[in-house]
Amino acid sequence: VLAHGTLVAVPDGATLAGTFLTWQIPTLAAKGDTATLTYQVKLNSDAYNVTVKNVATPGPGGTCTTCTTNHQTPPPGVVPPELPKTGADLLPVLWWAGLLLLLGTAALVLSRRRRVA
């Protein structure tokens, strides 16, 4: 993976030596328990149309279900699909909040002027 990118951060319990990320699996409580290592790689800006390969090599006595993965990056000019937009557009909310604040302030000033007069 690191031939075409950089590791964003070394996960807890892991070490990075060159292009090798090593993780000592913690002691598992019971047979069938699992442990997961998650990491993120930021691909280089020129990593177009390349295969990013990830290889897991278990230590002595270890096994893995899938020991390699391959991910193909798109060729230049291909735009990946846009992520769905989440959240709310704050501009209308702020506009209405400002208008209500202004109207409330004006009403307060007018009511105080009537009391003084």
Protein backbone atom coordinates (compact mmCIF):
# COMPACT_ATOMS: atom_id res chain seq x y z
CA VAL A 1 0.00 0.00 0.00
CA LEU A 2 2.76 2.45 0.95
CA ALA A 3 4.34 2.28 -2.52
CA HIS A 4 1.58 4.68 -3.61
CA GLY A 5 0.77 6.55 -0.40
CA THR A 6 1.57 7.36 3.19
CA LEU A 7 0.17 6.05 6.43
CA VAL A 8 -1.99 8.76 8.03
CA ALA A 9 -1.19 7.67 11.60
CA VAL A 10 0.26 4.58 13.23
CA PRO A 11 -2.60 2.83 15.09
CA ASP A 12 -2.26 2.05 18.80
CA GLY A 13 -0.30 -1.12 19.39
CA ALA A 14 1.31 -1.07 15.93
CA THR A 15 4.76 -0.06 14.72
CA LEU A 16 5.93 1.10 11.32
CA ALA A 17 9.37 0.13 10.03
CA GLY A 18 9.91 1.22 6.43
CA THR A 19 6.85 -0.08 4.59
CA PHE A 20 6.04 -2.78 7.17
CA LEU A 21 3.25 -2.15 9.66
CA THR A 22 3.60 -4.66 12.48
CA TRP A 23 0.86 -5.35 15.01
CA GLN A 24 1.07 -7.62 18.01
CA ILE A 25 -2.42 -9.05 18.43
CA PRO A 26 -3.58 -8.62 22.03
CA THR A 27 -4.41 -11.66 24.17
CA LEU A 28 -7.92 -12.83 23.32
CA ALA A 29 -10.24 -13.87 26.13
CA ALA A 30 -11.91 -16.87 24.50
CA LYS A 31 -11.60 -19.09 21.47
CA GLY A 32 -13.35 -17.46 18.55
CA ASP A 33 -12.74 -13.89 19.79
CA THR A 34 -11.32 -11.50 17.24
CA ALA A 35 -9.10 -8.44 17.22
CA THR A 36 -9.13 -5.75 14.54
CA LEU A 37 -6.45 -3.36 13.33
CA THR A 38 -7.70 -0.36 11.38
CA TYR A 39 -5.44 2.02 9.51
CA GLN A 40 -5.80 4.72 6.87
CA VAL A 41 -3.51 5.44 3.94
CA LYS A 42 -3.57 8.69 1.99
CA LEU A 43 -2.77 7.93 -1.64
CA ASN A 44 -0.27 10.07 -3.52
CA SER A 45 -1.76 12.63 -5.90
CA ASP A 46 -0.22 10.77 -8.87
CA ALA A 47 -1.57 7.32 -7.89
CA TYR A 48 -3.81 6.96 -10.93
CA ASN A 49 -4.59 3.66 -12.60
CA VAL A 50 -2.44 1.63 -10.20
CA THR A 51 -3.15 -1.45 -8.15
CA VAL A 52 -2.76 -0.89 -4.44
CA LYS A 53 -1.93 -4.22 -2.83
CA ASN A 54 -2.21 -5.03 0.86
CA VAL A 55 -0.55 -8.18 2.20
CA ALA A 56 -1.03 -9.60 5.69
CA THR A 57 1.55 -12.10 6.91
CA PRO A 58 0.59 -13.88 10.13
CA GLY A 59 3.31 -14.73 12.61
CA PRO A 60 4.01 -18.19 14.02
CA GLY A 61 0.78 -20.05 14.77
CA GLY A 62 -1.32 -17.33 13.15
CA THR A 63 -3.74 -17.52 10.24
CA CYS A 64 -5.74 -15.06 8.21
CA THR A 65 -8.92 -15.55 6.23
CA THR A 66 -7.89 -13.19 3.43
CA CYS A 67 -4.17 -12.48 3.38
CA THR A 68 -4.10 -10.11 0.38
CA THR A 69 -6.36 -7.43 -1.05
CA ASN A 70 -6.02 -5.51 -4.29
CA HIS A 71 -7.62 -2.14 -4.95
CA GLN A 72 -7.54 -0.50 -8.37
CA THR A 73 -7.39 3.31 -8.44
CA PRO A 74 -9.25 5.10 -11.25
CA PRO A 75 -7.42 6.41 -14.32
CA PRO A 76 -6.77 10.17 -14.64
CA GLY A 77 -9.89 12.21 -15.36
CA VAL A 78 -12.32 9.74 -13.78
CA VAL A 79 -14.09 11.44 -10.93
CA PRO A 80 -15.13 9.12 -8.12
CA PRO A 81 -18.79 9.25 -7.14
CA GLU A 82 -19.68 12.12 -4.84
CA LEU A 83 -20.44 11.26 -1.27
CA PRO A 84 -24.01 11.91 -0.14
CA LYS A 85 -24.59 15.33 1.38
CA THR A 86 -25.43 15.10 5.05
CA GLY A 87 -26.29 17.70 7.65
CA ALA A 88 -28.10 20.96 7.02
CA ASP A 89 -27.36 24.15 5.13
CA LEU A 90 -26.71 26.63 7.92
CA LEU A 91 -27.11 29.85 5.93
CA PRO A 92 -30.96 29.93 5.98
CA VAL A 93 -31.00 28.92 9.65
CA LEU A 94 -28.56 31.72 10.56
CA TRP A 95 -30.49 34.22 8.43
CA TRP A 96 -33.78 33.44 10.21
CA ALA A 97 -32.09 33.44 13.63
CA GLY A 98 -30.58 36.87 12.91
CA LEU A 99 -33.93 38.23 11.72
CA LEU A 100 -35.71 36.94 14.84
CA LEU A 101 -32.98 38.39 17.06
CA LEU A 102 -33.31 41.76 15.32
CA LEU A 103 -37.11 41.76 15.63
CA GLY A 104 -36.91 40.76 19.30
CA THR A 105 -34.40 43.53 20.03
CA ALA A 106 -36.60 46.08 18.25
CA ALA A 107 -39.67 44.95 20.21
CA LEU A 108 -37.74 45.19 23.49
CA VAL A 109 -36.49 48.72 22.70
CA LEU A 110 -40.00 49.88 21.72
CA SER A 111 -41.57 48.43 24.87
CA ARG A 112 -39.01 50.18 27.08
CA ARG A 113 -39.55 53.49 25.32
CA ARG A 114 -43.30 53.24 25.92
CA ARG A 115 -42.75 52.61 29.65
CA VAL A 116 -40.42 55.62 29.98
CA ALA A 117 -42.79 57.92 28.15
